[in-house]
Amino acid sequence: MHKVFITRKIPGIAIKMLKSKYSVRINKEDRQLTKKQIIKRAKNVNAILSLLTDRIDKEVMAAAKGLKVIANYAVGYDNIDINEAKKRGIIVTNTPGVLTETTADLAWALLFATARRIVEGDKFTRNGKFKGWKPTLLLGYDIYQKVLGVIGTGRIGTAFVLRSKGFNMKVLYYDKKRNPIVEKECKGKQVTLNRLLKESDFISLHIPLNKDTYHLIGEKEIECMKKTVILINTSREPIIDEMALADALRKNVIAGA
């Protein structure tokens, strides 16, 4: 019987399905395993069901002698050494589409929360600082009819843009390919990255992490933005230079992220 190693607990229905056909080994601890622990537990398995937090590289693949499949429990797969998997004839799968609408919803939730200073207001009240209404207390930023800049209009980026229709926003998007859905449904305009950064009131990132997108948004790009801009990232964290962003927020170079 083929052996499957699951690196962390996943919904029971999936485990039940796998156990009906295969010998399944599960990391029962609800925590991320170190690479050393993954190597130890993945020895001689035929399939690994990994999470985006698991680095599946040459060492891991070499330890799992009979490895045929790496099923990544995520849309992105930058945690897997794809070239090494190709060399070894290992099939790599992901889960495109399953979180499209969910992630688009989350991106809007983050945009709302940041623009209207929801988290700040909650903390302000819980800490007993609220003493009554003031005209200037925790003023946020309007969203209606503002300029929305979207970097990446794949499945998630497109779903995100479509949700902007109710706010009558002007949509600018940056992508290698034109997006007819965004252009038809939201009158979106394909522009250069530089123009998007300069003109947008809200910027949302929806691109995969690779050598071309690593630190796509750094100090230079942040300085191009409006001082009132709000930056949202539901892609991989390294697409933005975290230190540059933190510094910009401390110095009030941009409004929020």
C-alpha atoms as a PDB file:
ATOM      1  CA  MET A   1       0.000   0.000   0.000  1.00  0.00           C
ATOM      2  CA  HIS A   2       1.284   3.463  -0.905  1.00  0.00           C
ATOM      3  CA  LYS A   3       2.329   5.698   1.993  1.00  0.00           C
ATOM      4  CA  VAL A   4       1.226   9.314   2.423  1.00  0.00           C
ATOM      5  CA  PHE A   5       2.682  11.826   4.881  1.00  0.00           C
ATOM      6  CA  ILE A   6       0.566  14.849   5.872  1.00  0.00           C
ATOM      7  CA  THR A   7       2.694  17.586   7.420  1.00  0.00           C
ATOM      8  CA  ARG A   8      -0.086  19.080   9.562  1.00  0.00           C
ATOM      9  CA  LYS A   9      -3.711  18.504  10.525  1.00  0.00           C
ATOM     10  CA  ILE A  10      -6.176  19.191   7.719  1.00  0.00           C
ATOM     11  CA  PRO A  11      -9.991  18.810   7.614  1.00  0.00           C
ATOM     12  CA  GLY A  12     -11.078  15.313   8.614  1.00  0.00           C
ATOM     13  CA  ILE A  13     -12.935  14.538   5.392  1.00  0.00           C
ATOM     14  CA  ALA A  14      -9.683  14.719   3.410  1.00  0.00           C
ATOM     15  CA  ILE A  15      -7.872  12.429   5.842  1.00  0.00           C
ATOM     16  CA  LYS A  16     -10.751   9.960   5.714  1.00  0.00           C
ATOM     17  CA  MET A  17     -10.623   9.875   1.908  1.00  0.00           C
ATOM     18  CA  LEU A  18      -6.890   9.244   1.888  1.00  0.00           C
ATOM     19  CA  LYS A  19      -7.057   6.571   4.595  1.00  0.00           C
ATOM     20  CA  SER A  20      -9.599   4.621   2.556  1.00  0.00           C
ATOM     21  CA  LYS A  21      -6.938   3.918  -0.072  1.00  0.00           C
ATOM     22  CA  TYR A  22      -3.521   4.584   1.428  1.00  0.00           C
ATOM     23  CA  SER A  23      -1.407   4.214   4.537  1.00  0.00           C
ATOM     24  CA  VAL A  24      -1.477   7.695   6.057  1.00  0.00           C
ATOM     25  CA  ARG A  25       1.004   9.221   8.488  1.00  0.00           C
ATOM     26  CA  ILE A  26      -0.011  12.579  10.015  1.00  0.00           C
ATOM     27  CA  ASN A  27       1.769  15.213  12.044  1.00  0.00           C
ATOM     28  CA  LYS A  28      -0.724  15.271  14.903  1.00  0.00           C
ATOM     29  CA  GLU A  29       0.873  18.277  16.587  1.00  0.00           C
ATOM     30  CA  ASP A  30      -0.800  21.511  15.538  1.00  0.00           C
ATOM     31  CA  ARG A  31       2.463  23.265  14.739  1.00  0.00           C
ATOM     32  CA  GLN A  32       4.865  23.716  11.870  1.00  0.00           C
ATOM     33  CA  LEU A  33       7.536  21.031  11.601  1.00  0.00           C
ATOM     34  CA  THR A  34      11.189  21.883  11.094  1.00  0.00           C
ATOM     35  CA  LYS A  35      12.834  20.633   7.914  1.00  0.00           C
ATOM     36  CA  LYS A  36      14.745  18.077   9.964  1.00  0.00           C
ATOM     37  CA  GLN A  37      11.467  16.734  11.375  1.00  0.00           C
ATOM     38  CA  ILE A  38       9.895  16.594   7.910  1.00  0.00           C
ATOM     39  CA  ILE A  39      12.881  14.639   6.589  1.00  0.00           C
ATOM     40  CA  LYS A  40      12.643  12.160   9.460  1.00  0.00           C
ATOM     41  CA  ARG A  41       8.898  11.604   9.091  1.00  0.00           C
ATOM     42  CA  ALA A  42       8.835  11.549   5.300  1.00  0.00           C
ATOM     43  CA  LYS A  43      11.317   8.699   4.897  1.00  0.00           C
ATOM     44  CA  ASN A  44      10.174   6.109   2.376  1.00  0.00           C
ATOM     45  CA  VAL A  45       6.778   7.709   1.722  1.00  0.00           C
ATOM     46  CA  ASN A  46       5.259   7.868  -1.755  1.00  0.00           C
ATOM     47  CA  ALA A  47       3.409  11.155  -1.321  1.00  0.00           C
ATOM     48  CA  ILE A  48       3.713  14.276   0.811  1.00  0.00           C
ATOM     49  CA  LEU A  49       0.760  16.556   1.481  1.00  0.00           C
ATOM     50  CA  SER A  50       2.519  19.811   2.365  1.00  0.00           C
ATOM     51  CA  LEU A  51       1.506  23.273   3.510  1.00  0.00           C
ATOM     52  CA  LEU A  52       2.851  26.575   2.225  1.00  0.00           C
ATOM     53  CA  THR A  53       4.936  26.869   5.415  1.00  0.00           C
ATOM     54  CA  ASP A  54       6.815  23.632   4.633  1.00  0.00           C
ATOM     55  CA  ARG A  55      10.014  23.935   2.627  1.00  0.00           C
ATOM     56  CA  ILE A  56      10.138  20.856   0.386  1.00  0.00           C
ATOM     57  CA  ASP A  57      13.594  20.894  -1.192  1.00  0.00           C
ATOM     58  CA  LYS A  58      16.267  18.505  -2.461  1.00  0.00           C
ATOM     59  CA  GLU A  59      17.050  17.124   1.009  1.00  0.00           C
ATOM     60  CA  VAL A  60      13.425  16.280   1.726  1.00  0.00           C
ATOM     61  CA  MET A  61      12.928  14.674  -1.683  1.00  0.00           C
ATOM     62  CA  ALA A  62      16.106  12.630  -1.290  1.00  0.00           C
ATOM     63  CA  ALA A  63      14.942  11.307   2.092  1.00  0.00           C
ATOM     64  CA  ALA A  64      11.581  10.196   0.719  1.00  0.00           C
ATOM     65  CA  LYS A  65      13.030   7.468  -1.505  1.00  0.00           C
ATOM     66  CA  GLY A  66       9.794   6.436  -3.202  1.00  0.00           C
ATOM     67  CA  LEU A  67       8.325   9.922  -3.500  1.00  0.00           C
ATOM     68  CA  LYS A  68       6.033  10.290  -6.507  1.00  0.00           C
ATOM     69  CA  VAL A  69       3.705  13.157  -5.569  1.00  0.00           C
ATOM     70  CA  ILE A  70       3.913  16.402  -3.597  1.00  0.00           C
ATOM     71  CA  ALA A  71       0.408  17.787  -3.069  1.00  0.00           C
ATOM     72  CA  ASN A  72       0.657  21.361  -1.826  1.00  0.00           C
ATOM     73  CA  TYR A  73      -2.272  22.459   0.340  1.00  0.00           C
ATOM     74  CA  ALA A  74      -2.144  25.969  -1.144  1.00  0.00           C
ATOM     75  CA  VAL A  75      -2.512  27.920  -4.352  1.00  0.00           C
ATOM     76  CA  GLY A  76       1.102  29.129  -4.388  1.00  0.00           C
ATOM     77  CA  TYR A  77       3.969  26.636  -4.527  1.00  0.00           C
ATOM     78  CA  ASP A  78       7.079  28.761  -3.953  1.00  0.00           C
ATOM     79  CA  ASN A  79       7.845  26.548  -0.931  1.00  0.00           C
ATOM     80  CA  ILE A  80       8.681  23.643  -3.248  1.00  0.00           C
ATOM     81  CA  ASP A  81      11.842  23.227  -5.314  1.00  0.00           C
ATOM     82  CA  ILE A  82      10.048  22.690  -8.623  1.00  0.00           C
ATOM     83  CA  ASN A  83      13.220  22.153 -10.658  1.00  0.00           C
ATOM     84  CA  GLU A  84      14.395  19.418  -8.302  1.00  0.00           C
ATOM     85  CA  ALA A  85      10.987  17.764  -8.459  1.00  0.00           C
ATOM     86  CA  LYS A  86      11.164  17.790 -12.269  1.00  0.00           C
ATOM     87  CA  LYS A  87      14.603  16.163 -12.207  1.00  0.00           C
ATOM     88  CA  ARG A  88      13.273  13.383 -10.000  1.00  0.00           C
ATOM     89  CA  GLY A  89      10.052  12.903 -11.959  1.00  0.00           C
ATOM     90  CA  ILE A  90       7.933  13.926  -8.958  1.00  0.00           C
ATOM     91  CA  ILE A  91       4.477  15.334  -9.684  1.00  0.00           C
ATOM     92  CA  VAL A  92       3.676  18.591  -7.866  1.00  0.00           C
ATOM     93  CA  THR A  93       0.065  19.693  -7.440  1.00  0.00           C
ATOM     94  CA  ASN A  94      -1.600  22.727  -5.888  1.00  0.00           C
ATOM     95  CA  THR A  95      -5.148  23.937  -5.264  1.00  0.00           C
ATOM     96  CA  PRO A  96      -5.931  26.735  -7.749  1.00  0.00           C
ATOM     97  CA  GLY A  97      -9.381  28.248  -7.478  1.00  0.00           C
ATOM     98  CA  VAL A  98     -10.392  26.955  -4.061  1.00  0.00           C
ATOM     99  CA  LEU A  99      -9.590  30.213  -2.249  1.00  0.00           C
ATOM    100  CA  THR A 100     -10.263  32.733  -5.009  1.00  0.00           C
ATOM    101  CA  GLU A 101     -13.418  34.290  -3.556  1.00  0.00           C
ATOM    102  CA  THR A 102     -12.245  33.834   0.034  1.00  0.00           C
ATOM    103  CA  THR A 103      -8.989  35.692  -0.575  1.00  0.00           C
ATOM    104  CA  ALA A 104     -10.755  38.460  -2.495  1.00  0.00           C
ATOM    105  CA  ASP A 105     -13.110  38.881   0.478  1.00  0.00           C
ATOM    106  CA  LEU A 106     -10.167  38.979   2.881  1.00  0.00           C
ATOM    107  CA  ALA A 107      -8.370  41.626   0.831  1.00  0.00           C
ATOM    108  CA  TRP A 108     -11.453  43.835   0.989  1.00  0.00           C
ATOM    109  CA  ALA A 109     -11.821  43.193   4.719  1.00  0.00           C
ATOM    110  CA  LEU A 110      -8.240  44.380   5.221  1.00  0.00           C
ATOM    111  CA  LEU A 111      -8.839  47.407   3.010  1.00  0.00           C
ATOM    112  CA  PHE A 112     -11.971  48.393   4.954  1.00  0.00           C
ATOM    113  CA  ALA A 113     -10.341  47.812   8.332  1.00  0.00           C
ATOM    114  CA  THR A 114      -7.308  49.906   7.437  1.00  0.00           C
ATOM    115  CA  ALA A 115      -9.162  52.721   5.670  1.00  0.00           C
ATOM    116  CA  ARG A 116     -11.727  53.127   8.448  1.00  0.00           C
ATOM    117  CA  ARG A 117      -9.186  52.428  11.243  1.00  0.00           C
ATOM    118  CA  ILE A 118     -11.300  49.623  12.697  1.00  0.00           C
ATOM    119  CA  VAL A 119      -8.512  47.845  14.593  1.00  0.00           C
ATOM    120  CA  GLU A 120      -7.203  51.131  15.991  1.00  0.00           C
ATOM    121  CA  GLY A 121     -10.693  52.065  17.168  1.00  0.00           C
ATOM    122  CA  ASP A 122     -11.222  48.686  18.794  1.00  0.00           C
ATOM    123  CA  LYS A 123      -7.913  48.903  20.659  1.00  0.00           C
ATOM    124  CA  PHE A 124      -8.575  52.537  21.582  1.00  0.00           C
ATOM    125  CA  THR A 125     -11.929  51.607  23.149  1.00  0.00           C
ATOM    126  CA  ARG A 126     -10.743  48.431  24.886  1.00  0.00           C
ATOM    127  CA  ASN A 127      -7.895  50.369  26.495  1.00  0.00           C
ATOM    128  CA  GLY A 128     -10.413  52.769  28.033  1.00  0.00           C
ATOM    129  CA  LYS A 129      -9.318  55.778  26.004  1.00  0.00           C
ATOM    130  CA  PHE A 130     -12.714  56.551  24.487  1.00  0.00           C
ATOM    131  CA  LYS A 131     -14.240  59.462  26.445  1.00  0.00           C
ATOM    132  CA  GLY A 132     -16.832  60.558  23.926  1.00  0.00           C
ATOM    133  CA  TRP A 133     -17.198  61.517  20.280  1.00  0.00           C
ATOM    134  CA  LYS A 134     -14.937  64.121  18.677  1.00  0.00           C
ATOM    135  CA  PRO A 135     -15.170  65.451  15.109  1.00  0.00           C
ATOM    136  CA  THR A 136     -11.532  64.560  14.427  1.00  0.00           C
ATOM    137  CA  LEU A 137     -11.326  61.277  16.347  1.00  0.00           C
ATOM    138  CA  LEU A 138      -9.848  58.393  14.332  1.00  0.00           C
ATOM    139  CA  LEU A 139     -10.743  59.876  10.980  1.00  0.00           C
ATOM    140  CA  GLY A 140     -10.173  57.387   8.197  1.00  0.00           C
ATOM    141  CA  TYR A 141     -10.325  57.463   4.418  1.00  0.00           C
ATOM    142  CA  ASP A 142     -13.316  57.233   2.091  1.00  0.00           C
ATOM    143  CA  ILE A 143     -13.348  54.415  -0.444  1.00  0.00           C
ATOM    144  CA  TYR A 144     -16.198  55.509  -2.718  1.00  0.00           C
ATOM    145  CA  GLN A 145     -15.074  56.864  -6.122  1.00  0.00           C
ATOM    146  CA  LYS A 146     -11.386  56.613  -5.226  1.00  0.00           C
ATOM    147  CA  VAL A 147      -8.616  55.165  -7.421  1.00  0.00           C
ATOM    148  CA  LEU A 148      -7.995  51.455  -6.925  1.00  0.00           C
ATOM    149  CA  GLY A 149      -4.658  50.084  -8.120  1.00  0.00           C
ATOM    150  CA  VAL A 150      -4.421  46.318  -8.537  1.00  0.00           C
ATOM    151  CA  ILE A 151      -1.105  44.579  -9.128  1.00  0.00           C
ATOM    152  CA  GLY A 152      -1.855  41.214 -10.706  1.00  0.00           C
ATOM    153  CA  THR A 153      -5.240  40.353 -12.208  1.00  0.00           C
ATOM    154  CA  GLY A 154      -5.294  36.585 -12.220  1.00  0.00           C
ATOM    155  CA  ARG A 155      -8.203  34.714 -10.632  1.00  0.00           C
ATOM    156  CA  ILE A 156      -7.937  36.407  -7.234  1.00  0.00           C
ATOM    157  CA  GLY A 157      -7.027  39.844  -8.572  1.00  0.00           C
ATOM    158  CA  THR A 158      -9.996  39.779 -10.942  1.00  0.00           C
ATOM    159  CA  ALA A 159     -12.380  38.671  -8.187  1.00  0.00           C
ATOM    160  CA  PHE A 160     -11.037  41.496  -6.019  1.00  0.00           C
ATOM    161  CA  VAL A 161     -11.574  44.107  -8.744  1.00  0.00           C
ATOM    162  CA  LEU A 162     -15.139  42.962  -9.469  1.00  0.00           C
ATOM    163  CA  ARG A 163     -16.046  43.687  -5.852  1.00  0.00           C
ATOM    164  CA  SER A 164     -15.100  47.346  -6.378  1.00  0.00           C
ATOM    165  CA  LYS A 165     -18.056  48.006  -8.705  1.00  0.00           C
ATOM    166  CA  GLY A 166     -20.338  48.965  -5.831  1.00  0.00           C
ATOM    167  CA  PHE A 167     -17.915  51.715  -4.843  1.00  0.00           C
ATOM    168  CA  ASN A 168     -17.754  53.222  -8.328  1.00  0.00           C
ATOM    169  CA  MET A 169     -13.969  53.237  -8.195  1.00  0.00           C
ATOM    170  CA  LYS A 170     -11.559  54.124 -10.971  1.00  0.00           C
ATOM    171  CA  VAL A 171      -9.540  50.959 -11.569  1.00  0.00           C
ATOM    172  CA  LEU A 172      -5.918  50.876 -12.686  1.00  0.00           C
ATOM    173  CA  TYR A 173      -4.228  47.527 -13.076  1.00  0.00           C
ATOM    174  CA  TYR A 174      -0.693  46.317 -13.700  1.00  0.00           C
ATOM    175  CA  ASP A 175      -0.259  42.946 -15.379  1.00  0.00           C
ATOM    176  CA  LYS A 176       1.757  41.457 -18.226  1.00  0.00           C
ATOM    177  CA  LYS A 177      -1.468  40.577 -20.008  1.00  0.00           C
ATOM    178  CA  ARG A 178      -4.577  42.633 -20.674  1.00  0.00           C
ATOM    179  CA  ASN A 179      -7.607  41.559 -18.678  1.00  0.00           C
ATOM    180  CA  PRO A 180     -10.819  41.888 -20.746  1.00  0.00           C
ATOM    181  CA  ILE A 181     -13.047  41.099 -17.750  1.00  0.00           C
ATOM    182  CA  VAL A 182     -11.557  43.897 -15.648  1.00  0.00           C
ATOM    183  CA  GLU A 183     -11.747  46.300 -18.590  1.00  0.00           C
ATOM    184  CA  LYS A 184     -15.330  45.434 -19.540  1.00  0.00           C
ATOM    185  CA  GLU A 185     -16.892  45.054 -16.095  1.00  0.00           C
ATOM    186  CA  CYS A 186     -15.030  47.775 -14.207  1.00  0.00           C
ATOM    187  CA  LYS A 187     -13.643  49.981 -16.982  1.00  0.00           C
ATOM    188  CA  GLY A 188     -10.199  49.077 -15.711  1.00  0.00           C
ATOM    189  CA  LYS A 189      -7.166  50.537 -17.435  1.00  0.00           C
ATOM    190  CA  GLN A 190      -3.889  48.669 -17.882  1.00  0.00           C
ATOM    191  CA  VAL A 191      -1.014  50.958 -16.859  1.00  0.00           C
ATOM    192  CA  THR A 192       2.654  50.840 -15.952  1.00  0.00           C
ATOM    193  CA  LEU A 193       3.623  49.982 -12.398  1.00  0.00           C
ATOM    194  CA  ASN A 194       5.029  53.468 -11.904  1.00  0.00           C
ATOM    195  CA  ARG A 195       1.767  55.146 -12.926  1.00  0.00           C
ATOM    196  CA  LEU A 196      -0.280  52.832 -10.729  1.00  0.00           C
ATOM    197  CA  LEU A 197       1.911  53.607  -7.716  1.00  0.00           C
ATOM    198  CA  LYS A 198       1.671  57.371  -8.270  1.00  0.00           C
ATOM    199  CA  GLU A 199      -2.077  57.657  -8.916  1.00  0.00           C
ATOM    200  CA  SER A 200      -3.732  55.042  -6.680  1.00  0.00           C
ATOM    201  CA  ASP A 201      -5.492  55.752  -3.396  1.00  0.00           C
ATOM    202  CA  PHE A 202      -5.572  52.046  -2.579  1.00  0.00           C
ATOM    203  CA  ILE A 203      -3.128  49.428  -3.871  1.00  0.00           C
ATOM    204  CA  SER A 204      -3.735  45.683  -3.603  1.00  0.00           C
ATOM    205  CA  LEU A 205      -1.237  42.969  -4.560  1.00  0.00           C
ATOM    206  CA  HIS A 206      -2.335  39.662  -6.117  1.00  0.00           C
ATOM    207  CA  ILE A 207       0.772  38.132  -7.684  1.00  0.00           C
ATOM    208  CA  PRO A 208       2.834  34.969  -7.145  1.00  0.00           C
ATOM    209  CA  LEU A 209       6.249  35.081  -5.485  1.00  0.00           C
ATOM    210  CA  ASN A 210       9.160  34.412  -7.826  1.00  0.00           C
ATOM    211  CA  LYS A 211      12.554  35.917  -8.672  1.00  0.00           C
ATOM    212  CA  ASP A 212      10.874  38.721 -10.633  1.00  0.00           C
ATOM    213  CA  THR A 213       8.394  39.703  -7.909  1.00  0.00           C
ATOM    214  CA  TYR A 214      10.659  39.380  -4.842  1.00  0.00           C
ATOM    215  CA  HIS A 215      10.707  42.853  -3.212  1.00  0.00           C
ATOM    216  CA  LEU A 216       8.756  44.258  -6.159  1.00  0.00           C
ATOM    217  CA  ILE A 217       7.623  46.936  -3.727  1.00  0.00           C
ATOM    218  CA  GLY A 218      10.596  48.482  -1.969  1.00  0.00           C
ATOM    219  CA  GLU A 219      11.693  51.875  -0.677  1.00  0.00           C
ATOM    220  CA  LYS A 220      11.826  53.453  -4.147  1.00  0.00           C
ATOM    221  CA  GLU A 221       8.341  52.217  -5.065  1.00  0.00           C
ATOM    222  CA  ILE A 222       6.844  53.288  -1.728  1.00  0.00           C
ATOM    223  CA  GLU A 223       8.244  56.794  -2.164  1.00  0.00           C
ATOM    224  CA  CYS A 224       6.344  57.048  -5.473  1.00  0.00           C
ATOM    225  CA  MET A 225       3.010  56.522  -3.704  1.00  0.00           C
ATOM    226  CA  LYS A 226       0.613  59.137  -2.374  1.00  0.00           C
ATOM    227  CA  LYS A 227       1.023  59.976   1.308  1.00  0.00           C
ATOM    228  CA  THR A 228      -2.618  58.956   1.772  1.00  0.00           C
ATOM    229  CA  VAL A 229      -2.289  55.573   0.063  1.00  0.00           C
ATOM    230  CA  ILE A 230      -3.268  52.318   1.750  1.00  0.00           C
ATOM    231  CA  LEU A 231      -1.329  49.223   0.688  1.00  0.00           C
ATOM    232  CA  ILE A 232      -2.870  45.747   0.934  1.00  0.00           C
ATOM    233  CA  ASN A 233      -0.942  42.509   0.345  1.00  0.00           C
ATOM    234  CA  THR A 234      -2.667  39.124   0.291  1.00  0.00           C
ATOM    235  CA  SER A 235       0.133  37.648  -1.821  1.00  0.00           C
ATOM    236  CA  ARG A 236       3.354  36.283  -0.311  1.00  0.00           C
ATOM    237  CA  GLU A 237       5.032  38.545   2.243  1.00  0.00           C
ATOM    238  CA  PRO A 238       8.458  38.891   0.484  1.00  0.00           C
ATOM    239  CA  ILE A 239       6.858  40.654  -2.493  1.00  0.00           C
ATOM    240  CA  ILE A 240       7.106  43.762  -0.302  1.00  0.00           C
ATOM    241  CA  ASP A 241      10.360  44.758   1.361  1.00  0.00           C
ATOM    242  CA  GLU A 242       9.091  44.482   4.928  1.00  0.00           C
ATOM    243  CA  MET A 243      11.801  46.687   6.442  1.00  0.00           C
ATOM    244  CA  ALA A 244      11.178  49.436   3.887  1.00  0.00           C
ATOM    245  CA  LEU A 245       7.435  49.266   4.549  1.00  0.00           C
ATOM    246  CA  ALA A 246       7.860  49.376   8.327  1.00  0.00           C
ATOM    247  CA  ASP A 247      10.150  52.385   7.995  1.00  0.00           C
ATOM    248  CA  ALA A 248       7.659  54.140   5.704  1.00  0.00           C
ATOM    249  CA  LEU A 249       4.824  53.571   8.179  1.00  0.00           C
ATOM    250  CA  ARG A 250       6.907  54.872  11.094  1.00  0.00           C
ATOM    251  CA  LYS A 251       7.763  58.014   9.142  1.00  0.00           C
ATOM    252  CA  ASN A 252       4.189  58.495   7.832  1.00  0.00           C
ATOM    253  CA  VAL A 253       5.371  58.225   4.233  1.00  0.00           C
ATOM    254  CA  ILE A 254       2.103  56.379   3.484  1.00  0.00           C
ATOM    255  CA  ALA A 255      -1.164  56.220   5.407  1.00  0.00           C
ATOM    256  CA  GLY A 256      -1.399  52.527   6.155  1.00  0.00           C
ATOM    257  CA  ALA A 257      -0.848  48.914   5.188  1.00  0.00           C
END
